[in-house]
Amino acid sequence: MSRAHLSDSEIATRLPGAPGFRYEGGKLVRELRFETFVDAFGWMASVALVAEKLDHHPDWKNVYGRVDVELHTHDAGGVTDLDFQLAGKMVELARRYGL
């Protein structure tokens, strides 16, 4: 199913609702720094359950306590509502780690 991507102005309006994320290169991006690898991986596992439920999966990379996240909807060619939904859940789950 193809989804329409949001305009730059729609993204700018919604971005404050996803603290820590920025819009860069056509994607929502965020770097998170956890105290330990276990914390980073635990957060990623929690996000993975949400992502699977949404059927929307992040592009991410983990190095020890750092997780780099990029969100965009491939089939829409840009950022959609689903990206903001997942970003919101990521923010909520990161708060459990004091981020």
PDB file of N, CA and C in Angstrom:
ATOM      1  N   MET A   1       0.846  -1.178   0.000  1.00  0.00           N
ATOM      2  CA  MET A   1       0.000   0.000   0.000  1.00  0.00           C
ATOM      3  C   MET A   1       0.886   1.235   0.000  1.00  0.00           C
ATOM      4  N   SER A   2       0.672   2.113  -0.918  1.00  0.00           N
ATOM      5  CA  SER A   2       1.441   3.347  -1.010  1.00  0.00           C
ATOM      6  C   SER A   2       0.817   4.412  -0.127  1.00  0.00           C
ATOM      7  N   ARG A   3       1.657   5.187   0.528  1.00  0.00           N
ATOM      8  CA  ARG A   3       1.194   6.273   1.384  1.00  0.00           C
ATOM      9  C   ARG A   3       1.758   7.573   0.851  1.00  0.00           C
ATOM     10  N   ALA A   4       1.010   8.647   0.992  1.00  0.00           N
ATOM     11  CA  ALA A   4       1.487   9.959   0.558  1.00  0.00           C
ATOM     12  C   ALA A   4       2.445  10.519   1.613  1.00  0.00           C
ATOM     13  N   HIS A   5       3.553  11.043   1.136  1.00  0.00           N
ATOM     14  CA  HIS A   5       4.490  11.636   2.091  1.00  0.00           C
ATOM     15  C   HIS A   5       4.039  13.044   2.449  1.00  0.00           C
ATOM     16  N   LEU A   6       4.493  13.508   3.608  1.00  0.00           N
ATOM     17  CA  LEU A   6       4.136  14.830   4.113  1.00  0.00           C
ATOM     18  C   LEU A   6       4.983  15.901   3.443  1.00  0.00           C
ATOM     19  N   SER A   7       4.433  17.099   3.340  1.00  0.00           N
ATOM     20  CA  SER A   7       5.192  18.223   2.788  1.00  0.00           C
ATOM     21  C   SER A   7       6.201  18.707   3.828  1.00  0.00           C
ATOM     22  N   ASP A   8       7.173  19.482   3.377  1.00  0.00           N
ATOM     23  CA  ASP A   8       8.167  20.040   4.297  1.00  0.00           C
ATOM     24  C   ASP A   8       7.507  20.876   5.386  1.00  0.00           C
ATOM     25  N   SER A   9       6.470  21.637   5.042  1.00  0.00           N
ATOM     26  CA  SER A   9       5.799  22.471   6.048  1.00  0.00           C
ATOM     27  C   SER A   9       5.029  21.606   7.050  1.00  0.00           C
ATOM     28  N   GLU A  10       4.418  20.506   6.588  1.00  0.00           N
ATOM     29  CA  GLU A  10       3.729  19.599   7.513  1.00  0.00           C
ATOM     30  C   GLU A  10       4.726  18.946   8.464  1.00  0.00           C
ATOM     31  N   ILE A  11       5.869  18.586   7.938  1.00  0.00           N
ATOM     32  CA  ILE A  11       6.908  17.976   8.772  1.00  0.00           C
ATOM     33  C   ILE A  11       7.394  18.976   9.811  1.00  0.00           C
ATOM     34  N   ALA A  12       7.654  20.212   9.392  1.00  0.00           N
ATOM     35  CA  ALA A  12       8.116  21.252  10.320  1.00  0.00           C
ATOM     36  C   ALA A  12       7.100  21.491  11.430  1.00  0.00           C
ATOM     37  N   THR A  13       5.824  21.447  11.094  1.00  0.00           N
ATOM     38  CA  THR A  13       4.766  21.647  12.085  1.00  0.00           C
ATOM     39  C   THR A  13       4.724  20.507  13.093  1.00  0.00           C
ATOM     40  N   ARG A  14       4.975  19.286  12.633  1.00  0.00           N
ATOM     41  CA  ARG A  14       4.862  18.102  13.494  1.00  0.00           C
ATOM     42  C   ARG A  14       6.148  17.770  14.246  1.00  0.00           C
ATOM     43  N   LEU A  15       7.260  18.283  13.802  1.00  0.00           N
ATOM     44  CA  LEU A  15       8.556  17.924  14.388  1.00  0.00           C
ATOM     45  C   LEU A  15       8.661  18.210  15.893  1.00  0.00           C
ATOM     46  N   PRO A  16       8.118  19.312  16.410  1.00  0.00           N
ATOM     47  CA  PRO A  16       8.197  19.524  17.865  1.00  0.00           C
ATOM     48  C   PRO A  16       7.535  18.414  18.682  1.00  0.00           C
ATOM     49  N   GLY A  17       6.631  17.667  18.077  1.00  0.00           N
ATOM     50  CA  GLY A  17       5.989  16.548  18.750  1.00  0.00           C
ATOM     51  C   GLY A  17       6.847  15.300  18.808  1.00  0.00           C
ATOM     52  N   ALA A  18       8.042  15.362  18.225  1.00  0.00           N
ATOM     53  CA  ALA A  18       8.991  14.236  18.238  1.00  0.00           C
ATOM     54  C   ALA A  18      10.332  14.746  18.772  1.00  0.00           C
ATOM     55  N   PRO A  19      10.388  15.070  20.067  1.00  0.00           N
ATOM     56  CA  PRO A  19      11.599  15.659  20.639  1.00  0.00           C
ATOM     57  C   PRO A  19      12.846  14.815  20.368  1.00  0.00           C
ATOM     58  N   GLY A  20      13.911  15.500  20.002  1.00  0.00           N
ATOM     59  CA  GLY A  20      15.176  14.823  19.720  1.00  0.00           C
ATOM     60  C   GLY A  20      15.366  14.477  18.258  1.00  0.00           C
ATOM     61  N   PHE A  21      14.283  14.439  17.508  1.00  0.00           N
ATOM     62  CA  PHE A  21      14.375  14.154  16.078  1.00  0.00           C
ATOM     63  C   PHE A  21      14.560  15.448  15.305  1.00  0.00           C
ATOM     64  N   ARG A  22      15.234  15.332  14.181  1.00  0.00           N
ATOM     65  CA  ARG A  22      15.365  16.457  13.255  1.00  0.00           C
ATOM     66  C   ARG A  22      15.067  15.927  11.852  1.00  0.00           C
ATOM     67  N   TYR A  23      14.749  16.840  10.963  1.00  0.00           N
ATOM     68  CA  TYR A  23      14.454  16.481   9.578  1.00  0.00           C
ATOM     69  C   TYR A  23      15.693  16.803   8.759  1.00  0.00           C
ATOM     70  N   GLU A  24      16.255  15.765   8.153  1.00  0.00           N
ATOM     71  CA  GLU A  24      17.521  15.927   7.435  1.00  0.00           C
ATOM     72  C   GLU A  24      17.580  14.918   6.295  1.00  0.00           C
ATOM     73  N   GLY A  25      17.889  15.397   5.109  1.00  0.00           N
ATOM     74  CA  GLY A  25      18.027  14.503   3.965  1.00  0.00           C
ATOM     75  C   GLY A  25      16.767  13.736   3.629  1.00  0.00           C
ATOM     76  N   GLY A  26      15.601  14.343   3.884  1.00  0.00           N
ATOM     77  CA  GLY A  26      14.343  13.678   3.576  1.00  0.00           C
ATOM     78  C   GLY A  26      13.919  12.620   4.571  1.00  0.00           C
ATOM     79  N   LYS A  27      14.551  12.626   5.763  1.00  0.00           N
ATOM     80  CA  LYS A  27      14.263  11.617   6.783  1.00  0.00           C
ATOM     81  C   LYS A  27      14.172  12.271   8.154  1.00  0.00           C
ATOM     82  N   LEU A  28      13.474  11.611   9.072  1.00  0.00           N
ATOM     83  CA  LEU A  28      13.539  11.977  10.477  1.00  0.00           C
ATOM     84  C   LEU A  28      14.740  11.245  11.052  1.00  0.00           C
ATOM     85  N   VAL A  29      15.654  11.955  11.689  1.00  0.00           N
ATOM     86  CA  VAL A  29      16.863  11.329  12.210  1.00  0.00           C
ATOM     87  C   VAL A  29      17.056  11.691  13.677  1.00  0.00           C
ATOM     88  N   ARG A  30      17.670  10.761  14.393  1.00  0.00           N
ATOM     89  CA  ARG A  30      17.994  10.983  15.794  1.00  0.00           C
ATOM     90  C   ARG A  30      19.150  10.083  16.183  1.00  0.00           C
ATOM     91  N   GLU A  31      19.993  10.615  17.044  1.00  0.00           N
ATOM     92  CA  GLU A  31      21.055   9.823  17.672  1.00  0.00           C
ATOM     93  C   GLU A  31      20.712   9.711  19.152  1.00  0.00           C
ATOM     94  N   LEU A  32      20.731   8.488  19.657  1.00  0.00           N
ATOM     95  CA  LEU A  32      20.491   8.263  21.076  1.00  0.00           C
ATOM     96  C   LEU A  32      21.745   7.668  21.684  1.00  0.00           C
ATOM     97  N   ARG A  33      22.077   8.112  22.879  1.00  0.00           N
ATOM     98  CA  ARG A  33      23.253   7.589  23.587  1.00  0.00           C
ATOM     99  C   ARG A  33      22.814   7.016  24.926  1.00  0.00           C
ATOM    100  N   PHE A  34      22.930   5.718  25.032  1.00  0.00           N
ATOM    101  CA  PHE A  34      22.580   4.992  26.246  1.00  0.00           C
ATOM    102  C   PHE A  34      23.843   4.742  27.064  1.00  0.00           C
ATOM    103  N   GLU A  35      23.661   4.438  28.341  1.00  0.00           N
ATOM    104  CA  GLU A  35      24.824   4.200  29.211  1.00  0.00           C
ATOM    105  C   GLU A  35      25.555   2.914  28.846  1.00  0.00           C
ATOM    106  N   THR A  36      24.818   1.904  28.394  1.00  0.00           N
ATOM    107  CA  THR A  36      25.432   0.610  28.105  1.00  0.00           C
ATOM    108  C   THR A  36      24.875   0.024  26.814  1.00  0.00           C
ATOM    109  N   PHE A  37      25.574  -0.965  26.308  1.00  0.00           N
ATOM    110  CA  PHE A  37      25.086  -1.708  25.150  1.00  0.00           C
ATOM    111  C   PHE A  37      23.772  -2.397  25.475  1.00  0.00           C
ATOM    112  N   VAL A  38      23.657  -2.954  26.672  1.00  0.00           N
ATOM    113  CA  VAL A  38      22.434  -3.662  27.069  1.00  0.00           C
ATOM    114  C   VAL A  38      21.239  -2.703  27.060  1.00  0.00           C
ATOM    115  N   ASP A  39      21.438  -1.489  27.540  1.00  0.00           N
ATOM    116  CA  ASP A  39      20.356  -0.499  27.510  1.00  0.00           C
ATOM    117  C   ASP A  39      19.964  -0.173  26.067  1.00  0.00           C
ATOM    118  N   ALA A  40      20.960   0.058  25.228  1.00  0.00           N
ATOM    119  CA  ALA A  40      20.689   0.378  23.824  1.00  0.00           C
ATOM    120  C   ALA A  40      19.944  -0.767  23.146  1.00  0.00           C
ATOM    121  N   PHE A  41      20.413  -1.976  23.370  1.00  0.00           N
ATOM    122  CA  PHE A  41      19.792  -3.127  22.729  1.00  0.00           C
ATOM    123  C   PHE A  41      18.405  -3.391  23.301  1.00  0.00           C
ATOM    124  N   GLY A  42      18.226  -3.161  24.596  1.00  0.00           N
ATOM    125  CA  GLY A  42      16.908  -3.314  25.215  1.00  0.00           C
ATOM    126  C   GLY A  42      15.902  -2.342  24.623  1.00  0.00           C
ATOM    127  N   TRP A  43      16.354  -1.089  24.430  1.00  0.00           N
ATOM    128  CA  TRP A  43      15.481  -0.089  23.809  1.00  0.00           C
ATOM    129  C   TRP A  43      15.129  -0.519  22.391  1.00  0.00           C
ATOM    130  N   MET A  44      16.121  -0.971  21.642  1.00  0.00           N
ATOM    131  CA  MET A  44      15.877  -1.406  20.269  1.00  0.00           C
ATOM    132  C   MET A  44      14.890  -2.574  20.232  1.00  0.00           C
ATOM    133  N   ALA A  45      15.010  -3.502  21.167  1.00  0.00           N
ATOM    134  CA  ALA A  45      14.083  -4.637  21.215  1.00  0.00           C
ATOM    135  C   ALA A  45      12.661  -4.158  21.488  1.00  0.00           C
ATOM    136  N   SER A  46      12.510  -3.194  22.386  1.00  0.00           N
ATOM    137  CA  SER A  46      11.192  -2.635  22.677  1.00  0.00           C
ATOM    138  C   SER A  46      10.616  -1.933  21.456  1.00  0.00           C
ATOM    139  N   VAL A  47      11.448  -1.167  20.766  1.00  0.00           N
ATOM    140  CA  VAL A  47      11.012  -0.474  19.551  1.00  0.00           C
ATOM    141  C   VAL A  47      10.648  -1.489  18.471  1.00  0.00           C
ATOM    142  N   ALA A  48      11.402  -2.568  18.384  1.00  0.00           N
ATOM    143  CA  ALA A  48      11.138  -3.586  17.363  1.00  0.00           C
ATOM    144  C   ALA A  48       9.725  -4.158  17.500  1.00  0.00           C
ATOM    145  N   LEU A  49       9.262  -4.352  18.723  1.00  0.00           N
ATOM    146  CA  LEU A  49       7.903  -4.870  18.932  1.00  0.00           C
ATOM    147  C   LEU A  49       6.850  -3.879  18.431  1.00  0.00           C
ATOM    148  N   VAL A  50       7.077  -2.604  18.698  1.00  0.00           N
ATOM    149  CA  VAL A  50       6.167  -1.556  18.219  1.00  0.00           C
ATOM    150  C   VAL A  50       6.213  -1.477  16.695  1.00  0.00           C
ATOM    151  N   ALA A  51       7.421  -1.496  16.141  1.00  0.00           N
ATOM    152  CA  ALA A  51       7.591  -1.394  14.690  1.00  0.00           C
ATOM    153  C   ALA A  51       6.896  -2.547  13.976  1.00  0.00           C
ATOM    154  N   GLU A  52       6.998  -3.718  14.535  1.00  0.00           N
ATOM    155  CA  GLU A  52       6.352  -4.876  13.918  1.00  0.00           C
ATOM    156  C   GLU A  52       4.838  -4.724  13.948  1.00  0.00           C
ATOM    157  N   LYS A  53       4.319  -4.215  15.064  1.00  0.00           N
ATOM    158  CA  LYS A  53       2.879  -4.002  15.183  1.00  0.00           C
ATOM    159  C   LYS A  53       2.390  -2.965  14.163  1.00  0.00           C
ATOM    160  N   LEU A  54       3.194  -1.913  13.943  1.00  0.00           N
ATOM    161  CA  LEU A  54       2.850  -0.881  12.966  1.00  0.00           C
ATOM    162  C   LEU A  54       3.142  -1.326  11.530  1.00  0.00           C
ATOM    163  N   ASP A  55       3.887  -2.425  11.378  1.00  0.00           N
ATOM    164  CA  ASP A  55       4.389  -2.873  10.080  1.00  0.00           C
ATOM    165  C   ASP A  55       5.168  -1.745   9.408  1.00  0.00           C
ATOM    166  N   HIS A  56       6.007  -1.116  10.218  1.00  0.00           N
ATOM    167  CA  HIS A  56       6.820   0.012   9.754  1.00  0.00           C
ATOM    168  C   HIS A  56       8.150  -0.053  10.499  1.00  0.00           C
ATOM    169  N   HIS A  57       9.229  -0.262   9.782  1.00  0.00           N
ATOM    170  CA  HIS A  57      10.501  -0.596  10.408  1.00  0.00           C
ATOM    171  C   HIS A  57      11.550   0.485  10.160  1.00  0.00           C
ATOM    172  N   PRO A  58      12.306   0.826  11.200  1.00  0.00           N
ATOM    173  CA  PRO A  58      13.305   1.896  11.080  1.00  0.00           C
ATOM    174  C   PRO A  58      14.570   1.418  10.374  1.00  0.00           C
ATOM    175  N   ASP A  59      15.301   2.372   9.843  1.00  0.00           N
ATOM    176  CA  ASP A  59      16.690   2.138   9.443  1.00  0.00           C
ATOM    177  C   ASP A  59      17.499   2.600  10.649  1.00  0.00           C
ATOM    178  N   TRP A  60      18.305   1.718  11.189  1.00  0.00           N
ATOM    179  CA  TRP A  60      19.076   2.100  12.367  1.00  0.00           C
ATOM    180  C   TRP A  60      20.383   1.359  12.440  1.00  0.00           C
ATOM    181  N   LYS A  61      21.269   1.914  13.264  1.00  0.00           N
ATOM    182  CA  LYS A  61      22.599   1.335  13.457  1.00  0.00           C
ATOM    183  C   LYS A  61      22.936   1.464  14.932  1.00  0.00           C
ATOM    184  N   ASN A  62      23.533   0.417  15.474  1.00  0.00           N
ATOM    185  CA  ASN A  62      23.901   0.389  16.889  1.00  0.00           C
ATOM    186  C   ASN A  62      25.390   0.122  17.023  1.00  0.00           C
ATOM    187  N   VAL A  63      26.059   0.990  17.768  1.00  0.00           N
ATOM    188  CA  VAL A  63      27.449   0.782  18.149  1.00  0.00           C
ATOM    189  C   VAL A  63      27.531   1.027  19.653  1.00  0.00           C
ATOM    190  N   TYR A  64      27.758  -0.034  20.400  1.00  0.00           N
ATOM    191  CA  TYR A  64      27.777  -0.028  21.859  1.00  0.00           C
ATOM    192  C   TYR A  64      26.535   0.683  22.408  1.00  0.00           C
ATOM    193  N   GLY A  65      26.668   1.840  23.043  1.00  0.00           N
ATOM    194  CA  GLY A  65      25.521   2.519  23.632  1.00  0.00           C
ATOM    195  C   GLY A  65      24.870   3.539  22.725  1.00  0.00           C
ATOM    196  N   ARG A  66      25.321   3.627  21.488  1.00  0.00           N
ATOM    197  CA  ARG A  66      24.779   4.617  20.552  1.00  0.00           C
ATOM    198  C   ARG A  66      23.868   3.937  19.534  1.00  0.00           C
ATOM    199  N   VAL A  67      22.723   4.574  19.280  1.00  0.00           N
ATOM    200  CA  VAL A  67      21.804   4.108  18.245  1.00  0.00           C
ATOM    201  C   VAL A  67      21.490   5.295  17.342  1.00  0.00           C
ATOM    202  N   ASP A  68      21.767   5.145  16.060  1.00  0.00           N
ATOM    203  CA  ASP A  68      21.437   6.148  15.056  1.00  0.00           C
ATOM    204  C   ASP A  68      20.189   5.670  14.321  1.00  0.00           C
ATOM    205  N   VAL A  69      19.167   6.526  14.275  1.00  0.00           N
ATOM    206  CA  VAL A  69      17.871   6.173  13.697  1.00  0.00           C
ATOM    207  C   VAL A  69      17.575   7.067  12.506  1.00  0.00           C
ATOM    208  N   GLU A  70      17.045   6.474  11.447  1.00  0.00           N
ATOM    209  CA  GLU A  70      16.511   7.204  10.298  1.00  0.00           C
ATOM    210  C   GLU A  70      15.124   6.652  10.011  1.00  0.00           C
ATOM    211  N   LEU A  71      14.152   7.553   9.912  1.00  0.00           N
ATOM    212  CA  LEU A  71      12.777   7.146   9.615  1.00  0.00           C
ATOM    213  C   LEU A  71      12.300   7.816   8.335  1.00  0.00           C
ATOM    214  N   HIS A  72      11.813   7.007   7.444  1.00  0.00           N
ATOM    215  CA  HIS A  72      11.120   7.480   6.246  1.00  0.00           C
ATOM    216  C   HIS A  72      10.370   6.282   5.665  1.00  0.00           C
ATOM    217  N   THR A  73       9.361   6.566   4.884  1.00  0.00           N
ATOM    218  CA  THR A  73       8.540   5.499   4.323  1.00  0.00           C
ATOM    219  C   THR A  73       9.004   5.259   2.899  1.00  0.00           C
ATOM    220  N   HIS A  74       9.672   4.138   2.693  1.00  0.00           N
ATOM    221  CA  HIS A  74      10.289   3.836   1.403  1.00  0.00           C
ATOM    222  C   HIS A  74       9.298   3.929   0.242  1.00  0.00           C
ATOM    223  N   ASP A  75       8.128   3.288   0.405  1.00  0.00           N
ATOM    224  CA  ASP A  75       7.192   3.247  -0.726  1.00  0.00           C
ATOM    225  C   ASP A  75       6.517   4.585  -0.997  1.00  0.00           C
ATOM    226  N   ALA A  76       6.624   5.537  -0.045  1.00  0.00           N
ATOM    227  CA  ALA A  76       6.057   6.875  -0.263  1.00  0.00           C
ATOM    228  C   ALA A  76       7.117   7.865  -0.721  1.00  0.00           C
ATOM    229  N   GLY A  77       8.364   7.469  -0.605  1.00  0.00           N
ATOM    230  CA  GLY A  77       9.449   8.348  -1.022  1.00  0.00           C
ATOM    231  C   GLY A  77       9.655   9.541  -0.105  1.00  0.00           C
ATOM    232  N   GLY A  78       9.324   9.385   1.164  1.00  0.00           N
ATOM    233  CA  GLY A  78       9.522  10.473   2.113  1.00  0.00           C
ATOM    234  C   GLY A  78       8.932  10.151   3.468  1.00  0.00           C
ATOM    235  N   VAL A  79       8.787  11.161   4.286  1.00  0.00           N
ATOM    236  CA  VAL A  79       8.274  11.012   5.646  1.00  0.00           C
ATOM    237  C   VAL A  79       6.745  11.037   5.615  1.00  0.00           C
ATOM    238  N   THR A  80       6.137  10.085   6.328  1.00  0.00           N
ATOM    239  CA  THR A  80       4.679   9.989   6.407  1.00  0.00           C
ATOM    240  C   THR A  80       4.242  10.013   7.866  1.00  0.00           C
ATOM    241  N   ASP A  81       2.940   9.941   8.058  1.00  0.00           N
ATOM    242  CA  ASP A  81       2.375   9.871   9.401  1.00  0.00           C
ATOM    243  C   ASP A  81       2.942   8.676  10.174  1.00  0.00           C
ATOM    244  N   LEU A  82       3.165   7.564   9.498  1.00  0.00           N
ATOM    245  CA  LEU A  82       3.717   6.376  10.178  1.00  0.00           C
ATOM    246  C   LEU A  82       5.079   6.675  10.804  1.00  0.00           C
ATOM    247  N   ASP A  83       5.889   7.473  10.132  1.00  0.00           N
ATOM    248  CA  ASP A  83       7.196   7.817  10.687  1.00  0.00           C
ATOM    249  C   ASP A  83       7.041   8.607  11.980  1.00  0.00           C
ATOM    250  N   PHE A  84       6.079   9.515  12.001  1.00  0.00           N
ATOM    251  CA  PHE A  84       5.838  10.280  13.228  1.00  0.00           C
ATOM    252  C   PHE A  84       5.239   9.410  14.325  1.00  0.00           C
ATOM    253  N   GLN A  85       4.404   8.451  13.965  1.00  0.00           N
ATOM    254  CA  GLN A  85       3.879   7.510  14.963  1.00  0.00           C
ATOM    255  C   GLN A  85       5.012   6.728  15.604  1.00  0.00           C
ATOM    256  N   LEU A  86       5.908   6.198  14.770  1.00  0.00           N
ATOM    257  CA  LEU A  86       7.020   5.417  15.304  1.00  0.00           C
ATOM    258  C   LEU A  86       7.980   6.299  16.097  1.00  0.00           C
ATOM    259  N   ALA A  87       8.241   7.502  15.617  1.00  0.00           N
ATOM    260  CA  ALA A  87       9.112   8.432  16.351  1.00  0.00           C
ATOM    261  C   ALA A  87       8.532   8.716  17.737  1.00  0.00           C
ATOM    262  N   GLY A  88       7.234   8.916  17.816  1.00  0.00           N
ATOM    263  CA  GLY A  88       6.594   9.171  19.108  1.00  0.00           C
ATOM    264  C   GLY A  88       6.773   8.015  20.072  1.00  0.00           C
ATOM    265  N   LYS A  89       6.625   6.810  19.574  1.00  0.00           N
ATOM    266  CA  LYS A  89       6.829   5.622  20.423  1.00  0.00           C
ATOM    267  C   LYS A  89       8.289   5.499  20.837  1.00  0.00           C
ATOM    268  N   MET A  90       9.212   5.835  19.923  1.00  0.00           N
ATOM    269  CA  MET A  90      10.633   5.787  20.261  1.00  0.00           C
ATOM    270  C   MET A  90      10.956   6.776  21.384  1.00  0.00           C
ATOM    271  N   VAL A  91      10.388   7.972  21.296  1.00  0.00           N
ATOM    272  CA  VAL A  91      10.594   8.985  22.331  1.00  0.00           C
ATOM    273  C   VAL A  91      10.058   8.484  23.666  1.00  0.00           C
ATOM    274  N   GLU A  92       8.861   7.939  23.630  1.00  0.00           N
ATOM    275  CA  GLU A  92       8.230   7.413  24.849  1.00  0.00           C
ATOM    276  C   GLU A  92       9.093   6.315  25.479  1.00  0.00           C
ATOM    277  N   LEU A  93       9.583   5.398  24.679  1.00  0.00           N
ATOM    278  CA  LEU A  93      10.409   4.304  25.206  1.00  0.00           C
ATOM    279  C   LEU A  93      11.772   4.803  25.671  1.00  0.00           C
ATOM    280  N   ALA A  94      12.328   5.813  25.010  1.00  0.00           N
ATOM    281  CA  ALA A  94      13.630   6.352  25.422  1.00  0.00           C
ATOM    282  C   ALA A  94      13.545   7.030  26.788  1.00  0.00           C
ATOM    283  N   ARG A  95      12.393   7.581  27.107  1.00  0.00           N
ATOM    284  CA  ARG A  95      12.211   8.244  28.424  1.00  0.00           C
ATOM    285  C   ARG A  95      12.431   7.270  29.569  1.00  0.00           C
ATOM    286  N   ARG A  96      12.175   6.003  29.339  1.00  0.00           N
ATOM    287  CA  ARG A  96      12.408   4.979  30.372  1.00  0.00           C
ATOM    288  C   ARG A  96      13.887   4.874  30.720  1.00  0.00           C
ATOM    289  N   TYR A  97      14.733   5.331  29.816  1.00  0.00           N
ATOM    290  CA  TYR A  97      16.183   5.302  30.015  1.00  0.00           C
ATOM    291  C   TYR A  97      16.721   6.686  30.365  1.00  0.00           C
ATOM    292  N   GLY A  98      15.837   7.615  30.641  1.00  0.00           N
ATOM    293  CA  GLY A  98      16.245   8.967  31.000  1.00  0.00           C
ATOM    294  C   GLY A  98      16.698   9.801  29.814  1.00  0.00           C
ATOM    295  N   LEU A  99      16.288   9.407  28.607  1.00  0.00           N
ATOM    296  CA  LEU A  99      16.669  10.159  27.403  1.00  0.00           C
ATOM    297  C   LEU A  99      15.507  10.980  26.879  1.00  0.00           C
TER     298      LEU A  99
END
